[in-house]
PDB file of N, CA and C in Angstrom:
ATOM      1  N   MET A   1     -17.047 -37.865-246.987  1.00  0.00           N
ATOM      2  CA  MET A   1     -18.024 -36.918-247.453  1.00  0.00           C
ATOM      3  C   MET A   1     -17.681 -36.550-248.893  1.00  0.00           C
ATOM      4  N   LEU A   2     -18.660 -36.629-249.772  1.00  0.00           N
ATOM      5  CA  LEU A   2     -18.483 -36.300-251.178  1.00  0.00           C
ATOM      6  C   LEU A   2     -18.644 -34.805-251.357  1.00  0.00           C
ATOM      7  N   LEU A   3     -17.673 -34.181-251.944  1.00  0.00           N
ATOM      8  CA  LEU A   3     -17.739 -32.748-252.203  1.00  0.00           C
ATOM      9  C   LEU A   3     -17.616 -32.496-253.688  1.00  0.00           C
ATOM     10  N   ILE A   4     -18.457 -31.648-254.192  1.00  0.00           N
ATOM     11  CA  ILE A   4     -18.343 -31.198-255.567  1.00  0.00           C
ATOM     12  C   ILE A   4     -17.860 -29.763-255.482  1.00  0.00           C
ATOM     13  N   HIS A   5     -16.711 -29.492-256.016  1.00  0.00           N
ATOM     14  CA  HIS A   5     -16.100 -28.189-255.889  1.00  0.00           C
ATOM     15  C   HIS A   5     -16.438 -27.354-257.115  1.00  0.00           C
ATOM     16  N   LEU A   6     -17.029 -26.207-256.892  1.00  0.00           N
ATOM     17  CA  LEU A   6     -17.396 -25.321-257.984  1.00  0.00           C
ATOM     18  C   LEU A   6     -16.594 -24.035-257.893  1.00  0.00           C
ATOM     19  N   ARG A   7     -16.300 -23.457-259.020  1.00  0.00           N
ATOM     20  CA  ARG A   7     -15.670 -22.146-259.055  1.00  0.00           C
ATOM     21  C   ARG A   7     -16.493 -21.255-259.955  1.00  0.00           C
ATOM     22  N   LYS A   8     -16.789 -20.051-259.472  1.00  0.00           N
ATOM     23  CA  LYS A   8     -17.550 -19.132-260.282  1.00  0.00           C
ATOM     24  C   LYS A   8     -16.620 -18.398-261.247  1.00  0.00           C
ATOM     25  N   HIS A   9     -15.630 -17.731-260.739  1.00  0.00           N
ATOM     26  CA  HIS A   9     -14.612 -17.076-261.552  1.00  0.00           C
ATOM     27  C   HIS A   9     -13.267 -17.467-260.975  1.00  0.00           C
ATOM     28  N   ARG A  10     -12.251 -17.193-261.648  1.00  0.00           N
ATOM     29  CA  ARG A  10     -10.919 -17.638-261.244  1.00  0.00           C
ATOM     30  C   ARG A  10     -10.625 -17.344-259.781  1.00  0.00           C
ATOM     31  N   ASN A  11     -10.757 -18.374-258.961  1.00  0.00           N
ATOM     32  CA  ASN A  11     -10.391 -18.339-257.545  1.00  0.00           C
ATOM     33  C   ASN A  11     -11.037 -17.209-256.751  1.00  0.00           C
ATOM     34  N   THR A  12     -12.177 -16.707-257.188  1.00  0.00           N
ATOM     35  CA  THR A  12     -12.803 -15.623-256.438  1.00  0.00           C
ATOM     36  C   THR A  12     -13.956 -16.103-255.572  1.00  0.00           C
ATOM     37  N   HIS A  13     -14.611 -17.204-255.957  1.00  0.00           N
ATOM     38  CA  HIS A  13     -15.760 -17.660-255.201  1.00  0.00           C
ATOM     39  C   HIS A  13     -15.832 -19.182-255.269  1.00  0.00           C
ATOM     40  N   HIS A  14     -15.963 -19.810-254.113  1.00  0.00           N
ATOM     41  CA  HIS A  14     -16.063 -21.263-254.066  1.00  0.00           C
ATOM     42  C   HIS A  14     -17.399 -21.647-253.464  1.00  0.00           C
ATOM     43  N   LYS A  15     -18.027 -22.643-254.048  1.00  0.00           N
ATOM     44  CA  LYS A  15     -19.296 -23.142-253.542  1.00  0.00           C
ATOM     45  C   LYS A  15     -19.216 -24.665-253.537  1.00  0.00           C
ATOM     46  N   ARG A  16     -19.740 -25.282-252.510  1.00  0.00           N
ATOM     47  CA  ARG A  16     -19.652 -26.731-252.407  1.00  0.00           C
ATOM     48  C   ARG A  16     -21.030 -27.349-252.243  1.00  0.00           C
ATOM     49  N   ILE A  17     -21.212 -28.479-252.874  1.00  0.00           N
ATOM     50  CA  ILE A  17     -22.418 -29.276-252.683  1.00  0.00           C
ATOM     51  C   ILE A  17     -21.996 -30.486-251.871  1.00  0.00           C
ATOM     52  N   THR A  18     -22.628 -30.689-250.741  1.00  0.00           N
ATOM     53  CA  THR A  18     -22.264 -31.823-249.900  1.00  0.00           C
ATOM     54  C   THR A  18     -23.349 -32.881-249.976  1.00  0.00           C
ATOM     55  N   THR A  19     -22.988 -34.077-249.576  1.00  0.00           N
ATOM     56  CA  THR A  19     -23.971 -35.157-249.594  1.00  0.00           C
ATOM     57  C   THR A  19     -25.052 -34.919-248.550  1.00  0.00           C
ATOM     58  N   SER A  20     -24.788 -34.091-247.548  1.00  0.00           N
ATOM     59  CA  SER A  20     -25.797 -33.848-246.523  1.00  0.00           C
ATOM     60  C   SER A  20     -27.035 -33.185-247.119  1.00  0.00           C
ATOM     61  N   GLU A  21     -26.860 -32.352-248.161  1.00  0.00           N
ATOM     62  CA  GLU A  21     -28.015 -31.734-248.801  1.00  0.00           C
ATOM     63  C   GLU A  21     -28.859 -32.779-249.533  1.00  0.00           C
ATOM     64  N   PHE A  22     -28.197 -33.742-250.150  1.00  0.00           N
ATOM     65  CA  PHE A  22     -28.932 -34.819-250.807  1.00  0.00           C
ATOM     66  C   PHE A  22     -29.646 -35.687-249.765  1.00  0.00           C
ATOM     67  N   GLN A  23     -28.960 -35.976-248.677  1.00  0.00           N
ATOM     68  CA  GLN A  23     -29.567 -36.782-247.619  1.00  0.00           C
ATOM     69  C   GLN A  23     -30.748 -36.061-246.982  1.00  0.00           C
ATOM     70  N   GLN A  24     -30.593 -34.762-246.755  1.00  0.00           N
ATOM     71  CA  GLN A  24     -31.679 -33.984-246.169  1.00  0.00           C
ATOM     72  C   GLN A  24     -32.884 -33.969-247.105  1.00  0.00           C
ATOM     73  N   ARG A  25     -32.636 -33.832-248.412  1.00  0.00           N
ATOM     74  CA  ARG A  25     -33.726 -33.867-249.388  1.00  0.00           C
ATOM     75  C   ARG A  25     -34.456 -35.197-249.325  1.00  0.00           C
ATOM     76  N   ASN A  26     -33.707 -36.308-249.248  1.00  0.00           N
ATOM     77  CA  ASN A  26     -34.327 -37.634-249.193  1.00  0.00           C
ATOM     78  C   ASN A  26     -35.129 -37.819-247.913  1.00  0.00           C
ATOM     79  N   LYS A  27     -34.612 -37.312-246.793  1.00  0.00           N
ATOM     80  CA  LYS A  27     -35.343 -37.411-245.525  1.00  0.00           C
ATOM     81  C   LYS A  27     -36.636 -36.609-245.575  1.00  0.00           C
ATOM     82  N   LEU A  28     -36.572 -35.418-246.163  1.00  0.00           N
ATOM     83  CA  LEU A  28     -37.786 -34.611-246.284  1.00  0.00           C
ATOM     84  C   LEU A  28     -38.819 -35.283-247.175  1.00  0.00           C
ATOM     85  N   LYS A  29     -38.364 -35.973-248.209  1.00  0.00           N
ATOM     86  CA  LYS A  29     -39.289 -36.688-249.095  1.00  0.00           C
ATOM     87  C   LYS A  29     -40.008 -37.797-248.335  1.00  0.00           C
ATOM     88  N   LEU A  30     -39.251 -38.572-247.551  1.00  0.00           N
ATOM     89  CA  LEU A  30     -39.864 -39.643-246.766  1.00  0.00           C
ATOM     90  C   LEU A  30     -40.844 -39.089-245.742  1.00  0.00           C
ATOM     91  N   LYS A  31     -40.447 -37.991-245.102  1.00  0.00           N
ATOM     92  CA  LYS A  31     -41.321 -37.377-244.097  1.00  0.00           C
ATOM     93  C   LYS A  31     -42.610 -36.867-244.741  1.00  0.00           C
ATOM     94  N   ALA A  32     -42.497 -36.256-245.909  1.00  0.00           N
ATOM     95  CA  ALA A  32     -43.678 -35.739-246.603  1.00  0.00           C
ATOM     96  C   ALA A  32     -44.605 -36.869-247.014  1.00  0.00           C
ATOM     97  N   LYS A  33     -44.039 -37.982-247.468  1.00  0.00           N
ATOM     98  CA  LYS A  33     -44.871 -39.128-247.840  1.00  0.00           C
ATOM     99  C   LYS A  33     -45.568 -39.726-246.619  1.00  0.00           C
ATOM    100  N   ARG A  34     -44.817 -39.772-245.516  1.00  0.00           N
ATOM    101  CA  ARG A  34     -45.360 -40.376-244.299  1.00  0.00           C
ATOM    102  C   ARG A  34     -46.469 -39.519-243.683  1.00  0.00           C
ATOM    103  N   THR A  35     -46.220 -38.211-243.560  1.00  0.00           N
ATOM    104  CA  THR A  35     -47.173 -37.335-242.870  1.00  0.00           C
ATOM    105  C   THR A  35     -48.269 -36.814-243.777  1.00  0.00           C
ATOM    106  N   LYS A  36     -47.992 -36.745-245.080  1.00  0.00           N
ATOM    107  CA  LYS A  36     -48.933 -36.199-246.064  1.00  0.00           C
ATOM    108  C   LYS A  36     -49.355 -34.764-245.711  1.00  0.00           C
ATOM    109  N   ASP A  37     -48.419 -34.033-245.113  1.00  0.00           N
ATOM    110  CA  ASP A  37     -48.666 -32.649-244.717  1.00  0.00           C
ATOM    111  C   ASP A  37     -48.171 -31.731-245.829  1.00  0.00           C
ATOM    112  N   SER A  38     -48.962 -30.709-246.158  1.00  0.00           N
ATOM    113  CA  SER A  38     -48.588 -29.817-247.250  1.00  0.00           C
ATOM    114  C   SER A  38     -47.329 -29.017-246.918  1.00  0.00           C
ATOM    115  N   LYS A  39     -47.108 -28.696-245.647  1.00  0.00           N
ATOM    116  CA  LYS A  39     -45.891 -27.966-245.273  1.00  0.00           C
ATOM    117  C   LYS A  39     -44.653 -28.819-245.508  1.00  0.00           C
ATOM    118  N   ASP A  40     -44.754 -30.110-245.219  1.00  0.00           N
ATOM    119  CA  ASP A  40     -43.630 -31.014-245.458  1.00  0.00           C
ATOM    120  C   ASP A  40     -43.350 -31.156-246.960  1.00  0.00           C
ATOM    121  N   PHE A  41     -44.431 -31.242-247.760  1.00  0.00           N
ATOM    122  CA  PHE A  41     -44.248 -31.333-249.200  1.00  0.00           C
ATOM    123  C   PHE A  41     -43.620 -30.053-249.747  1.00  0.00           C
ATOM    124  N   ASP A  42     -44.041 -28.896-249.221  1.00  0.00           N
ATOM    125  CA  ASP A  42     -43.464 -27.631-249.667  1.00  0.00           C
ATOM    126  C   ASP A  42     -41.980 -27.549-249.314  1.00  0.00           C
ATOM    127  N   ALA A  43     -41.619 -28.000-248.116  1.00  0.00           N
ATOM    128  CA  ALA A  43     -40.210 -27.983-247.710  1.00  0.00           C
ATOM    129  C   ALA A  43     -39.400 -28.915-248.597  1.00  0.00           C
ATOM    130  N   TYR A  44     -39.955 -30.089-248.895  1.00  0.00           N
ATOM    131  CA  TYR A  44     -39.265 -31.044-249.764  1.00  0.00           C
ATOM    132  C   TYR A  44     -39.077 -30.472-251.163  1.00  0.00           C
ATOM    133  N   ARG A  45     -40.157 -29.893-251.727  1.00  0.00           N
ATOM    134  CA  ARG A  45     -40.072 -29.342-253.078  1.00  0.00           C
ATOM    135  C   ARG A  45     -39.045 -28.218-253.153  1.00  0.00           C
ATOM    136  N   SER A  46     -39.029 -27.396-252.139  1.00  0.00           N
ATOM    137  CA  SER A  46     -38.088 -26.283-252.116  1.00  0.00           C
ATOM    138  C   SER A  46     -36.646 -26.783-252.112  1.00  0.00           C
ATOM    139  N   LEU A  47     -36.351 -27.738-251.242  1.00  0.00           N
ATOM    140  CA  LEU A  47     -34.994 -28.278-251.179  1.00  0.00           C
ATOM    141  C   LEU A  47     -34.661 -29.065-252.437  1.00  0.00           C
ATOM    142  N   ARG A  48     -35.625 -29.821-252.964  1.00  0.00           N
ATOM    143  CA  ARG A  48     -35.394 -30.578-254.199  1.00  0.00           C
ATOM    144  C   ARG A  48     -35.041 -29.634-255.344  1.00  0.00           C
ATOM    145  N   ASN A  49     -35.777 -28.537-255.467  1.00  0.00           N
ATOM    146  CA  ASN A  49     -35.509 -27.584-256.536  1.00  0.00           C
ATOM    147  C   ASN A  49     -34.152 -26.918-256.350  1.00  0.00           C
ATOM    148  N   ARG A  50     -33.794 -26.611-255.111  1.00  0.00           N
ATOM    149  CA  ARG A  50     -32.503 -25.979-254.840  1.00  0.00           C
ATOM    150  C   ARG A  50     -31.355 -26.933-255.179  1.00  0.00           C
ATOM    151  N   VAL A  51     -31.479 -28.207-254.782  1.00  0.00           N
ATOM    152  CA  VAL A  51     -30.433 -29.192-255.084  1.00  0.00           C
ATOM    153  C   VAL A  51     -30.331 -29.428-256.593  1.00  0.00           C
ATOM    154  N   THR A  52     -31.455 -29.490-257.272  1.00  0.00           N
ATOM    155  CA  THR A  52     -31.456 -29.662-258.724  1.00  0.00           C
ATOM    156  C   THR A  52     -30.760 -28.494-259.408  1.00  0.00           C
ATOM    157  N   LEU A  53     -31.064 -27.284-258.949  1.00  0.00           N
ATOM    158  CA  LEU A  53     -30.438 -26.106-259.520  1.00  0.00           C
ATOM    159  C   LEU A  53     -28.931 -26.108-259.262  1.00  0.00           C
ATOM    160  N   MET A  54     -28.534 -26.506-258.070  1.00  0.00           N
ATOM    161  CA  MET A  54     -27.110 -26.564-257.740  1.00  0.00           C
ATOM    162  C   MET A  54     -26.392 -27.578-258.637  1.00  0.00           C
ATOM    163  N   CYS A  55     -26.998 -28.728-258.866  1.00  0.00           N
ATOM    164  CA  CYS A  55     -26.392 -29.746-259.737  1.00  0.00           C
ATOM    165  C   CYS A  55     -26.312 -29.252-261.173  1.00  0.00           C
ATOM    166  N   ARG A  56     -27.366 -28.621-261.637  1.00  0.00           N
ATOM    167  CA  ARG A  56     -27.387 -28.098-263.000  1.00  0.00           C
ATOM    168  C   ARG A  56     -26.295 -27.044-263.183  1.00  0.00           C
ATOM    169  N   ASN A  57     -26.172 -26.151-262.196  1.00  0.00           N
ATOM    170  CA  ASN A  57     -25.145 -25.112-262.278  1.00  0.00           C
ATOM    171  C   ASN A  57     -23.749 -25.707-262.207  1.00  0.00           C
ATOM    172  N   ALA A  58     -23.583 -26.748-261.388  1.00  0.00           N
ATOM    173  CA  ALA A  58     -22.272 -27.395-261.282  1.00  0.00           C
ATOM    174  C   ALA A  58     -21.874 -28.026-262.606  1.00  0.00           C
ATOM    175  N   LYS A  59     -22.820 -28.688-263.273  1.00  0.00           N
ATOM    176  CA  LYS A  59     -22.525 -29.291-264.572  1.00  0.00           C
ATOM    177  C   LYS A  59     -22.165 -28.222-265.598  1.00  0.00           C
ATOM    178  N   ALA A  60     -22.973 -27.157-265.640  1.00  0.00           N
ATOM    179  CA  ALA A  60     -22.726 -26.093-266.615  1.00  0.00           C
ATOM    180  C   ALA A  60     -21.359 -25.467-266.385  1.00  0.00           C
ATOM    181  N   LEU A  61     -21.033 -25.221-265.139  1.00  0.00           N
ATOM    182  CA  LEU A  61     -19.748 -24.616-264.824  1.00  0.00           C
ATOM    183  C   LEU A  61     -18.590 -25.560-265.148  1.00  0.00           C
ATOM    184  N   TYR A  62     -18.773 -26.844-264.886  1.00  0.00           N
ATOM    185  CA  TYR A  62     -17.733 -27.825-265.200  1.00  0.00           C
ATOM    186  C   TYR A  62     -17.418 -27.819-266.694  1.00  0.00           C
ATOM    187  N   TYR A  63     -18.461 -27.888-267.528  1.00  0.00           N
ATOM    188  CA  TYR A  63     -18.233 -27.944-268.960  1.00  0.00           C
ATOM    189  C   TYR A  63     -17.730 -26.610-269.498  1.00  0.00           C
ATOM    190  N   LYS A  64     -18.178 -25.515-268.912  1.00  0.00           N
ATOM    191  CA  LYS A  64     -17.676 -24.202-269.334  1.00  0.00           C
ATOM    192  C   LYS A  64     -16.189 -24.085-269.036  1.00  0.00           C
ATOM    193  N   THR A  65     -15.771 -24.467-267.840  1.00  0.00           N
ATOM    194  CA  THR A  65     -14.346 -24.386-267.510  1.00  0.00           C
ATOM    195  C   THR A  65     -13.541 -25.396-268.319  1.00  0.00           C
ATOM    196  N   HIS A  66     -14.137 -26.548-268.621  1.00  0.00           N
ATOM    197  CA  HIS A  66     -13.449 -27.541-269.447  1.00  0.00           C
ATOM    198  C   HIS A  66     -13.158 -26.956-270.820  1.00  0.00           C
ATOM    199  N   ILE A  67     -14.132 -26.277-271.394  1.00  0.00           N
ATOM    200  CA  ILE A  67     -13.943 -25.672-272.721  1.00  0.00           C
ATOM    201  C   ILE A  67     -12.954 -24.518-272.632  1.00  0.00           C
ATOM    202  N   ASP A  68     -13.070 -23.692-271.591  1.00  0.00           N
ATOM    203  CA  ASP A  68     -12.138 -22.565-271.430  1.00  0.00           C
ATOM    204  C   ASP A  68     -10.704 -23.037-271.245  1.00  0.00           C
ATOM    205  N   ASN A  69     -10.509 -24.118-270.504  1.00  0.00           N
ATOM    206  CA  ASN A  69      -9.163 -24.621-270.251  1.00  0.00           C
ATOM    207  C   ASN A  69      -8.552 -25.305-271.463  1.00  0.00           C
ATOM    208  N   ASN A  70      -9.381 -25.724-272.418  1.00  0.00           N
ATOM    209  CA  ASN A  70      -8.886 -26.451-273.593  1.00  0.00           C
ATOM    210  C   ASN A  70      -9.174 -25.692-274.885  1.00  0.00           C
ATOM    211  N   LYS A  71      -9.082 -24.364-274.840  1.00  0.00           N
ATOM    212  CA  LYS A  71      -9.417 -23.569-276.032  1.00  0.00           C
ATOM    213  C   LYS A  71      -8.589 -23.925-277.254  1.00  0.00           C
ATOM    214  N   GLY A  72      -7.332 -24.232-277.084  1.00  0.00           N
ATOM    215  CA  GLY A  72      -6.492 -24.556-278.224  1.00  0.00           C
ATOM    216  C   GLY A  72      -6.466 -26.034-278.565  1.00  0.00           C
ATOM    217  N   ASN A  73      -7.145 -26.857-277.797  1.00  0.00           N
ATOM    218  CA  ASN A  73      -7.085 -28.302-277.984  1.00  0.00           C
ATOM    219  C   ASN A  73      -8.481 -28.831-278.319  1.00  0.00           C
ATOM    220  N   THR A  74      -8.788 -28.898-279.602  1.00  0.00           N
ATOM    221  CA  THR A  74     -10.137 -29.301-280.012  1.00  0.00           C
ATOM    222  C   THR A  74     -10.440 -30.756-279.665  1.00  0.00           C
ATOM    223  N   ARG A  75      -9.396 -31.593-279.627  1.00  0.00           N
ATOM    224  CA  ARG A  75      -9.619 -33.006-279.278  1.00  0.00           C
ATOM    225  C   ARG A  75     -10.194 -33.118-277.865  1.00  0.00           C
ATOM    226  N   ASN A  76      -9.622 -32.400-276.907  1.00  0.00           N
ATOM    227  CA  ASN A  76     -10.125 -32.446-275.535  1.00  0.00           C
ATOM    228  C   ASN A  76     -11.486 -31.769-275.399  1.00  0.00           C
ATOM    229  N   ILE A  77     -11.725 -30.732-276.187  1.00  0.00           N
ATOM    230  CA  ILE A  77     -13.049 -30.088-276.160  1.00  0.00           C
ATOM    231  C   ILE A  77     -14.111 -31.088-276.588  1.00  0.00           C
ATOM    232  N   TRP A  78     -13.861 -31.802-277.680  1.00  0.00           N
ATOM    233  CA  TRP A  78     -14.841 -32.778-278.160  1.00  0.00           C
ATOM    234  C   TRP A  78     -14.980 -33.952-277.204  1.00  0.00           C
ATOM    235  N   LYS A  79     -13.902 -34.313-276.545  1.00  0.00           N
ATOM    236  CA  LYS A  79     -13.975 -35.383-275.558  1.00  0.00           C
ATOM    237  C   LYS A  79     -14.937 -34.990-274.436  1.00  0.00           C
ATOM    238  N   GLY A  80     -14.859 -33.737-273.999  1.00  0.00           N
ATOM    239  CA  GLY A  80     -15.767 -33.244-272.969  1.00  0.00           C
ATOM    240  C   GLY A  80     -17.195 -33.128-273.466  1.00  0.00           C
ATOM    241  N   LEU A  81     -17.358 -32.686-274.718  1.00  0.00           N
ATOM    242  CA  LEU A  81     -18.709 -32.549-275.269  1.00  0.00           C
ATOM    243  C   LEU A  81     -19.378 -33.909-275.466  1.00  0.00           C
ATOM    244  N   ARG A  82     -18.590 -34.928-275.785  1.00  0.00           N
ATOM    245  CA  ARG A  82     -19.159 -36.271-275.943  1.00  0.00           C
ATOM    246  C   ARG A  82     -19.708 -36.806-274.626  1.00  0.00           C
ATOM    247  N   GLU A  83     -19.146 -36.341-273.505  1.00  0.00           N
ATOM    248  CA  GLU A  83     -19.696 -36.735-272.205  1.00  0.00           C
ATOM    249  C   GLU A  83     -21.115 -36.204-272.045  1.00  0.00           C
ATOM    250  N   LEU A  84     -21.367 -35.040-272.616  1.00  0.00           N
ATOM    251  CA  LEU A  84     -22.685 -34.425-272.526  1.00  0.00           C
ATOM    252  C   LEU A  84     -23.726 -35.143-273.379  1.00  0.00           C
ATOM    253  N   LEU A  85     -23.307 -35.534-274.575  1.00  0.00           N
ATOM    254  CA  LEU A  85     -24.244 -36.118-275.529  1.00  0.00           C
ATOM    255  C   LEU A  85     -24.576 -37.550-275.143  1.00  0.00           C
ATOM    256  N   PRO A  86     -25.822 -37.951-275.346  1.00  0.00           N
ATOM    257  CA  PRO A  86     -26.168 -39.346-275.044  1.00  0.00           C
ATOM    258  C   PRO A  86     -25.479 -40.280-276.016  1.00  0.00           C
ATOM    259  N   SER A  87     -25.050 -41.409-275.503  1.00  0.00           N
ATOM    260  CA  SER A  87     -24.385 -42.378-276.368  1.00  0.00           C
ATOM    261  C   SER A  87     -25.432 -43.148-277.169  1.00  0.00           C
ATOM    262  N   LYS A  88     -25.017 -43.596-278.321  1.00  0.00           N
ATOM    263  CA  LYS A  88     -25.921 -44.365-279.169  1.00  0.00           C
ATOM    264  C   LYS A  88     -26.018 -45.780-278.629  1.00  0.00           C
ATOM    265  N   SER A  89     -27.201 -46.305-278.601  1.00  0.00           N
ATOM    266  CA  SER A  89     -27.402 -47.667-278.142  1.00  0.00           C
ATOM    267  C   SER A  89     -27.015 -48.621-279.265  1.00  0.00           C
ATOM    268  N   THR A  90     -26.131 -49.557-278.963  1.00  0.00           N
ATOM    269  CA  THR A  90     -25.682 -50.498-279.988  1.00  0.00           C
ATOM    270  C   THR A  90     -26.299 -51.882-279.810  1.00  0.00           C
ATOM    271  N   ASN A  91     -26.978 -52.099-278.701  1.00  0.00           N
ATOM    272  CA  ASN A  91     -27.511 -53.417-278.404  1.00  0.00           C
ATOM    273  C   ASN A  91     -29.036 -53.407-278.543  1.00  0.00           C
ATOM    274  N   VAL A  92     -29.509 -53.116-279.730  1.00  0.00           N
ATOM    275  CA  VAL A  92     -30.943 -53.064-279.979  1.00  0.00           C
ATOM    276  C   VAL A  92     -31.374 -54.397-280.577  1.00  0.00           C
ATOM    277  N   GLN A  93     -32.253 -55.072-279.880  1.00  0.00           N
ATOM    278  CA  GLN A  93     -32.754 -56.356-280.342  1.00  0.00           C
ATOM    279  C   GLN A  93     -34.028 -56.139-281.160  1.00  0.00           C
ATOM    280  N   PRO A  94     -34.172 -56.819-282.286  1.00  0.00           N
ATOM    281  CA  PRO A  94     -35.428 -56.717-283.025  1.00  0.00           C
ATOM    282  C   PRO A  94     -36.538 -57.380-282.206  1.00  0.00           C
ATOM    283  N   PRO A  95     -37.746 -56.848-282.296  1.00  0.00           N
ATOM    284  CA  PRO A  95     -38.827 -57.450-281.524  1.00  0.00           C
ATOM    285  C   PRO A  95     -39.127 -58.868-281.998  1.00  0.00           C
ATOM    286  N   SER A  96     -39.415 -59.725-281.054  1.00  0.00           N
ATOM    287  CA  SER A  96     -39.795 -61.089-281.409  1.00  0.00           C
ATOM    288  C   SER A  96     -40.941 -61.503-280.495  1.00  0.00           C
ATOM    289  N   PHE A  97     -41.854 -62.279-281.058  1.00  0.00           N
ATOM    290  CA  PHE A  97     -43.009 -62.749-280.319  1.00  0.00           C
ATOM    291  C   PHE A  97     -43.182 -64.238-280.532  1.00  0.00           C
ATOM    292  N   SER A  98     -43.686 -64.890-279.504  1.00  0.00           N
ATOM    293  CA  SER A  98     -44.014 -66.299-279.610  1.00  0.00           C
ATOM    294  C   SER A  98     -45.518 -66.412-279.824  1.00  0.00           C
ATOM    295  N   ILE A  99     -45.895 -66.889-280.996  1.00  0.00           N
ATOM    296  CA  ILE A  99     -47.305 -67.023-281.338  1.00  0.00           C
ATOM    297  C   ILE A  99     -47.525 -68.467-281.763  1.00  0.00           C
ATOM    298  N   ASP A 100     -48.381 -69.156-281.033  1.00  0.00           N
ATOM    299  CA  ASP A 100     -48.690 -70.566-281.317  1.00  0.00           C
ATOM    300  C   ASP A 100     -47.404 -71.399-281.387  1.00  0.00           C
ATOM    301  N   ASP A 101     -46.539 -71.233-280.419  1.00  0.00           N
ATOM    302  CA  ASP A 101     -45.263 -71.944-280.307  1.00  0.00           C
ATOM    303  C   ASP A 101     -44.299 -71.665-281.462  1.00  0.00           C
ATOM    304  N   LEU A 102     -44.518 -70.549-282.163  1.00  0.00           N
ATOM    305  CA  LEU A 102     -43.602 -70.130-283.222  1.00  0.00           C
ATOM    306  C   LEU A 102     -42.942 -68.812-282.811  1.00  0.00           C
ATOM    307  N   GLU A 103     -41.658 -68.713-283.024  1.00  0.00           N
ATOM    308  CA  GLU A 103     -40.920 -67.485-282.726  1.00  0.00           C
ATOM    309  C   GLU A 103     -40.930 -66.617-283.981  1.00  0.00           C
ATOM    310  N   ILE A 104     -41.610 -65.470-283.922  1.00  0.00           N
ATOM    311  CA  ILE A 104     -41.726 -64.584-285.082  1.00  0.00           C
ATOM    312  C   ILE A 104     -40.893 -63.337-284.822  1.00  0.00           C
ATOM    313  N   THR A 105     -39.972 -63.043-285.758  1.00  0.00           N
ATOM    314  CA  THR A 105     -39.119 -61.871-285.608  1.00  0.00           C
ATOM    315  C   THR A 105     -39.336 -60.844-286.715  1.00  0.00           C
ATOM    316  N   ASN A 106     -40.019 -61.204-287.770  1.00  0.00           N
ATOM    317  CA  ASN A 106     -40.286 -60.283-288.873  1.00  0.00           C
ATOM    318  C   ASN A 106     -41.321 -59.257-288.421  1.00  0.00           C
ATOM    319  N   SER A 107     -40.985 -57.973-288.500  1.00  0.00           N
ATOM    320  CA  SER A 107     -41.883 -56.928-287.998  1.00  0.00           C
ATOM    321  C   SER A 107     -43.192 -56.857-288.785  1.00  0.00           C
ATOM    322  N   LYS A 108     -43.155 -57.129-290.103  1.00  0.00           N
ATOM    323  CA  LYS A 108     -44.391 -57.105-290.897  1.00  0.00           C
ATOM    324  C   LYS A 108     -45.322 -58.246-290.497  1.00  0.00           C
ATOM    325  N   THR A 109     -44.767 -59.410-290.228  1.00  0.00           N
ATOM    326  CA  THR A 109     -45.576 -60.552-289.809  1.00  0.00           C
ATOM    327  C   THR A 109     -46.206 -60.290-288.447  1.00  0.00           C
ATOM    328  N   ILE A 110     -45.449 -59.685-287.556  1.00  0.00           N
ATOM    329  CA  ILE A 110     -45.981 -59.342-286.228  1.00  0.00           C
ATOM    330  C   ILE A 110     -47.117 -58.338-286.368  1.00  0.00           C
ATOM    331  N   ALA A 111     -46.921 -57.316-287.204  1.00  0.00           N
ATOM    332  CA  ALA A 111     -47.959 -56.300-287.410  1.00  0.00           C
ATOM    333  C   ALA A 111     -49.213 -56.910-288.023  1.00  0.00           C
ATOM    334  N   ASN A 112     -49.023 -57.795-289.003  1.00  0.00           N
ATOM    335  CA  ASN A 112     -50.174 -58.445-289.636  1.00  0.00           C
ATOM    336  C   ASN A 112     -50.935 -59.312-288.632  1.00  0.00           C
ATOM    337  N   TYR A 113     -50.223 -59.987-287.766  1.00  0.00           N
ATOM    338  CA  TYR A 113     -50.891 -60.833-286.778  1.00  0.00           C
ATOM    339  C   TYR A 113     -51.750 -59.985-285.850  1.00  0.00           C
ATOM    340  N   PHE A 114     -51.190 -58.870-285.385  1.00  0.00           N
ATOM    341  CA  PHE A 114     -51.973 -58.009-284.485  1.00  0.00           C
ATOM    342  C   PHE A 114     -53.144 -57.363-285.222  1.00  0.00           C
ATOM    343  N   THR A 115     -52.980 -57.048-286.483  1.00  0.00           N
ATOM    344  CA  THR A 115     -54.063 -56.450-287.252  1.00  0.00           C
ATOM    345  C   THR A 115     -55.189 -57.463-287.452  1.00  0.00           C
ATOM    346  N   LEU A 116     -54.840 -58.706-287.746  1.00  0.00           N
ATOM    347  CA  LEU A 116     -55.845 -59.741-287.991  1.00  0.00           C
ATOM    348  C   LEU A 116     -56.546 -60.161-286.689  1.00  0.00           C
ATOM    349  N   SER A 117     -55.840 -60.053-285.565  1.00  0.00           N
ATOM    350  CA  SER A 117     -56.441 -60.498-284.312  1.00  0.00           C
ATOM    351  C   SER A 117     -57.430 -59.482-283.732  1.00  0.00           C
ATOM    352  N   LEU A 118     -57.470 -58.287-284.301  1.00  0.00           N
ATOM    353  CA  LEU A 118     -58.426 -57.281-283.839  1.00  0.00           C
ATOM    354  C   LEU A 118     -59.745 -57.589-284.437  1.00  0.00           C
TER     355      LEU A 118
END
């Protein structure tokens, strides 16, 4: 069983997210799709929103405690913050099109071809 352990304040309150809540949410989604009943959709939405909120709070608390635990260590703070930020994509391919058995990779030529074909 996967447990995500959360702490609100120093050892005063513990809250856990279990995989059963995720499984229950998925089962309710399937049931709502199958029955197409508004009560089932409402139950699914309610649980989905609760699980989303729990995950959001767990992430916020994780990063808050990470920063609090590393107040004097800026290297570790930035290491944690980089986990939050999206990574830059380094594998970006330029667009290429095959037109009349020719491989065209120049973006201006591609644009001109589409402009002329209209």
